[in-house]
C-alpha cells in the first residue's frame, strides 16, 4: 500500500465515508469485479487484525461477499 501510506483513517472517518446515502449494493455496482474482490480482501484483512475498525470491516466484508460471485 505504498501509494496510500499518507492516508490515516480512524473509525470516525470510516463512519463518515460509509454514511453516504447509498446502499452497499449501489456502491458495488460502481466497482469493476476485480476491484470488488480487492476491497473484500482488504476488509477481511482489517477485520482479522482486530482494532477499532475490525467490527465494521467484518460487517462490510459479509455484505459484499453475498453480493458478488465467488472468485473461484
N, C-alpha and C. Protein backbone atom coordinates (compact mmCIF):
# COMPACT_ATOMS: atom_id res chain seq x y z
N UNK A 1 0.82 -1.18 0.00
CA UNK A 1 0.00 0.00 0.00
C UNK A 1 0.87 1.25 0.00
N UNK A 2 1.92 1.25 -0.73
CA UNK A 2 2.86 2.36 -0.77
C UNK A 2 2.20 3.68 -1.14
N UNK A 3 1.28 3.65 -2.06
CA UNK A 3 0.64 4.89 -2.52
C UNK A 3 -0.33 5.47 -1.50
N UNK A 4 -0.67 4.70 -0.49
CA UNK A 4 -1.69 5.13 0.46
C UNK A 4 -1.17 5.29 1.88
N UNK A 5 0.15 5.31 2.05
CA UNK A 5 0.72 5.44 3.38
C UNK A 5 0.30 6.73 4.07
N UNK A 6 0.05 7.77 3.30
CA UNK A 6 -0.32 9.06 3.85
C UNK A 6 -1.75 9.10 4.37
N UNK A 7 -2.55 8.10 4.05
CA UNK A 7 -3.95 8.08 4.47
C UNK A 7 -4.03 7.45 5.85
N UNK A 8 -4.62 8.17 6.78
CA UNK A 8 -4.75 7.70 8.15
C UNK A 8 -6.21 7.81 8.56
N UNK A 9 -6.96 6.75 8.34
CA UNK A 9 -8.39 6.75 8.67
C UNK A 9 -8.59 6.15 10.06
N UNK A 10 -9.47 6.74 10.82
CA UNK A 10 -9.88 6.13 12.07
C UNK A 10 -11.35 5.75 11.96
N UNK A 11 -11.92 5.22 13.02
CA UNK A 11 -13.31 4.75 12.97
C UNK A 11 -14.27 5.87 12.60
N UNK A 12 -14.02 7.08 13.06
CA UNK A 12 -14.90 8.21 12.73
C UNK A 12 -14.86 8.55 11.26
N UNK A 13 -13.67 8.50 10.67
CA UNK A 13 -13.54 8.76 9.24
C UNK A 13 -14.28 7.71 8.43
N UNK A 14 -14.12 6.45 8.81
CA UNK A 14 -14.79 5.37 8.09
C UNK A 14 -16.30 5.53 8.19
N UNK A 15 -16.79 5.86 9.36
CA UNK A 15 -18.23 6.05 9.54
C UNK A 15 -18.75 7.18 8.65
N UNK A 16 -17.99 8.26 8.55
CA UNK A 16 -18.40 9.38 7.70
C UNK A 16 -18.44 8.97 6.23
N UNK A 17 -17.44 8.24 5.79
CA UNK A 17 -17.38 7.78 4.40
C UNK A 17 -18.56 6.85 4.10
N UNK A 18 -18.84 5.96 5.03
CA UNK A 18 -19.87 4.95 4.80
C UNK A 18 -21.28 5.45 5.04
N UNK A 19 -21.43 6.62 5.62
CA UNK A 19 -22.77 7.11 5.93
C UNK A 19 -23.41 7.84 4.75
N UNK A 20 -22.74 7.88 3.63
CA UNK A 20 -23.33 8.50 2.44
C UNK A 20 -24.64 7.78 2.11
N UNK A 21 -25.62 8.49 1.57
CA UNK A 21 -26.94 7.89 1.33
C UNK A 21 -26.96 6.95 0.13
N UNK A 22 -26.11 5.93 0.20
CA UNK A 22 -26.03 4.95 -0.88
C UNK A 22 -25.86 3.58 -0.24
N UNK A 23 -26.63 2.62 -0.68
CA UNK A 23 -26.54 1.28 -0.14
C UNK A 23 -25.30 0.56 -0.65
N UNK A 24 -24.88 -0.48 0.07
CA UNK A 24 -23.70 -1.25 -0.30
C UNK A 24 -23.80 -1.78 -1.72
N UNK A 25 -24.95 -2.28 -2.10
CA UNK A 25 -25.12 -2.84 -3.45
C UNK A 25 -24.93 -1.75 -4.51
N UNK A 26 -25.42 -0.54 -4.23
CA UNK A 26 -25.24 0.55 -5.18
C UNK A 26 -23.77 0.93 -5.31
N UNK A 27 -23.06 0.93 -4.19
CA UNK A 27 -21.63 1.24 -4.23
C UNK A 27 -20.89 0.17 -5.02
N UNK A 28 -21.25 -1.08 -4.81
CA UNK A 28 -20.59 -2.18 -5.51
C UNK A 28 -20.81 -2.10 -7.01
N UNK A 29 -21.96 -1.65 -7.42
CA UNK A 29 -22.24 -1.58 -8.86
C UNK A 29 -21.32 -0.59 -9.56
N UNK A 30 -20.69 0.29 -8.80
CA UNK A 30 -19.77 1.27 -9.38
C UNK A 30 -18.35 0.70 -9.53
N UNK A 31 -18.08 -0.45 -8.92
CA UNK A 31 -16.75 -1.05 -8.97
C UNK A 31 -16.68 -2.18 -9.99
N UNK A 32 -15.58 -2.26 -10.73
CA UNK A 32 -15.35 -3.46 -11.54
C UNK A 32 -15.21 -4.65 -10.59
N UNK A 33 -15.51 -5.83 -11.05
CA UNK A 33 -15.49 -7.02 -10.20
C UNK A 33 -14.13 -7.25 -9.57
N UNK A 34 -13.04 -7.06 -10.32
CA UNK A 34 -11.72 -7.29 -9.73
C UNK A 34 -11.44 -6.31 -8.58
N UNK A 35 -11.94 -5.09 -8.67
CA UNK A 35 -11.78 -4.14 -7.57
C UNK A 35 -12.66 -4.52 -6.38
N UNK A 36 -13.82 -5.07 -6.64
CA UNK A 36 -14.68 -5.53 -5.55
C UNK A 36 -13.99 -6.65 -4.77
N UNK A 37 -13.31 -7.56 -5.48
CA UNK A 37 -12.53 -8.60 -4.81
C UNK A 37 -11.41 -7.99 -3.98
N UNK A 38 -10.75 -6.97 -4.51
CA UNK A 38 -9.68 -6.30 -3.77
C UNK A 38 -10.21 -5.68 -2.48
N UNK A 39 -11.36 -5.01 -2.58
CA UNK A 39 -11.97 -4.40 -1.41
C UNK A 39 -12.36 -5.47 -0.40
N UNK A 40 -12.92 -6.56 -0.87
CA UNK A 40 -13.30 -7.64 0.02
C UNK A 40 -12.08 -8.21 0.75
N UNK A 41 -10.98 -8.45 0.02
CA UNK A 41 -9.76 -8.96 0.66
C UNK A 41 -9.23 -7.98 1.70
N UNK A 42 -9.27 -6.70 1.39
CA UNK A 42 -8.81 -5.68 2.33
C UNK A 42 -9.67 -5.67 3.59
N UNK A 43 -10.97 -5.71 3.41
CA UNK A 43 -11.87 -5.71 4.57
C UNK A 43 -11.68 -6.94 5.44
N UNK A 44 -11.49 -8.09 4.81
CA UNK A 44 -11.26 -9.32 5.59
C UNK A 44 -9.96 -9.19 6.37
N UNK A 45 -8.94 -8.65 5.75
CA UNK A 45 -7.66 -8.46 6.43
C UNK A 45 -7.80 -7.53 7.64
N UNK A 46 -8.50 -6.42 7.45
CA UNK A 46 -8.70 -5.47 8.54
C UNK A 46 -9.52 -6.10 9.66
N UNK A 47 -10.53 -6.87 9.30
CA UNK A 47 -11.39 -7.48 10.33
C UNK A 47 -10.62 -8.52 11.14
N UNK A 48 -9.66 -9.19 10.52
CA UNK A 48 -8.88 -10.21 11.22
C UNK A 48 -7.79 -9.61 12.10
N UNK A 49 -7.36 -8.40 11.81
CA UNK A 49 -6.32 -7.74 12.60
C UNK A 49 -6.83 -7.29 13.96
N UNK A 50 -8.11 -7.06 14.06
CA UNK A 50 -8.67 -6.51 15.29
C UNK A 50 -8.53 -5.01 15.26
N UNK A 51 -8.81 -4.36 16.35
CA UNK A 51 -8.70 -2.91 16.39
C UNK A 51 -10.03 -2.23 16.19
N UNK A 52 -10.02 -0.90 16.15
CA UNK A 52 -11.26 -0.13 16.15
C UNK A 52 -12.11 -0.31 14.88
N UNK A 53 -11.52 -0.71 13.77
CA UNK A 53 -12.27 -0.85 12.53
C UNK A 53 -12.69 -2.29 12.23
N UNK A 54 -12.28 -3.23 13.06
CA UNK A 54 -12.50 -4.64 12.73
C UNK A 54 -13.97 -5.03 12.65
N UNK A 55 -14.79 -4.54 13.54
CA UNK A 55 -16.22 -4.92 13.51
C UNK A 55 -16.91 -4.39 12.26
N UNK A 56 -16.62 -3.12 11.92
CA UNK A 56 -17.23 -2.53 10.73
C UNK A 56 -16.69 -3.20 9.47
N UNK A 57 -15.41 -3.51 9.45
CA UNK A 57 -14.81 -4.19 8.30
C UNK A 57 -15.44 -5.57 8.13
N UNK A 58 -15.67 -6.27 9.22
CA UNK A 58 -16.30 -7.59 9.15
C UNK A 58 -17.72 -7.48 8.62
N UNK A 59 -18.47 -6.50 9.09
CA UNK A 59 -19.84 -6.30 8.62
C UNK A 59 -19.87 -6.01 7.12
N UNK A 60 -18.99 -5.13 6.68
CA UNK A 60 -18.96 -4.79 5.26
C UNK A 60 -18.46 -5.95 4.40
N UNK A 61 -17.49 -6.70 4.90
CA UNK A 61 -17.00 -7.86 4.16
C UNK A 61 -18.12 -8.86 3.92
N UNK A 62 -18.92 -9.10 4.94
CA UNK A 62 -20.05 -10.02 4.79
C UNK A 62 -21.08 -9.48 3.80
N UNK A 63 -21.35 -8.17 3.88
CA UNK A 63 -22.32 -7.57 2.98
C UNK A 63 -21.86 -7.65 1.52
N UNK A 64 -20.57 -7.48 1.30
CA UNK A 64 -20.03 -7.56 -0.06
C UNK A 64 -19.96 -9.00 -0.54
N UNK A 65 -19.54 -9.90 0.32
CA UNK A 65 -19.37 -11.31 -0.07
C UNK A 65 -20.66 -11.93 -0.59
N UNK A 66 -21.79 -11.54 -0.05
CA UNK A 66 -23.06 -12.13 -0.51
C UNK A 66 -23.56 -11.50 -1.80
N UNK A 67 -22.93 -10.40 -2.21
CA UNK A 67 -23.40 -9.68 -3.41
C UNK A 67 -22.53 -9.87 -4.65
N UNK A 68 -21.38 -10.51 -4.48
CA UNK A 68 -20.52 -10.73 -5.64
C UNK A 68 -20.31 -12.23 -5.83
N UNK A 69 -20.10 -12.67 -7.06
CA UNK A 69 -19.86 -14.09 -7.31
C UNK A 69 -18.55 -14.53 -6.69
N UNK A 70 -18.45 -15.81 -6.40
CA UNK A 70 -17.23 -16.37 -5.84
C UNK A 70 -16.06 -16.11 -6.79
N UNK A 71 -14.91 -15.85 -6.24
CA UNK A 71 -13.73 -15.57 -7.05
C UNK A 71 -13.19 -16.84 -7.70
N UNK A 72 -13.51 -17.98 -7.16
CA UNK A 72 -13.00 -19.26 -7.69
C UNK A 72 -13.76 -19.69 -8.90
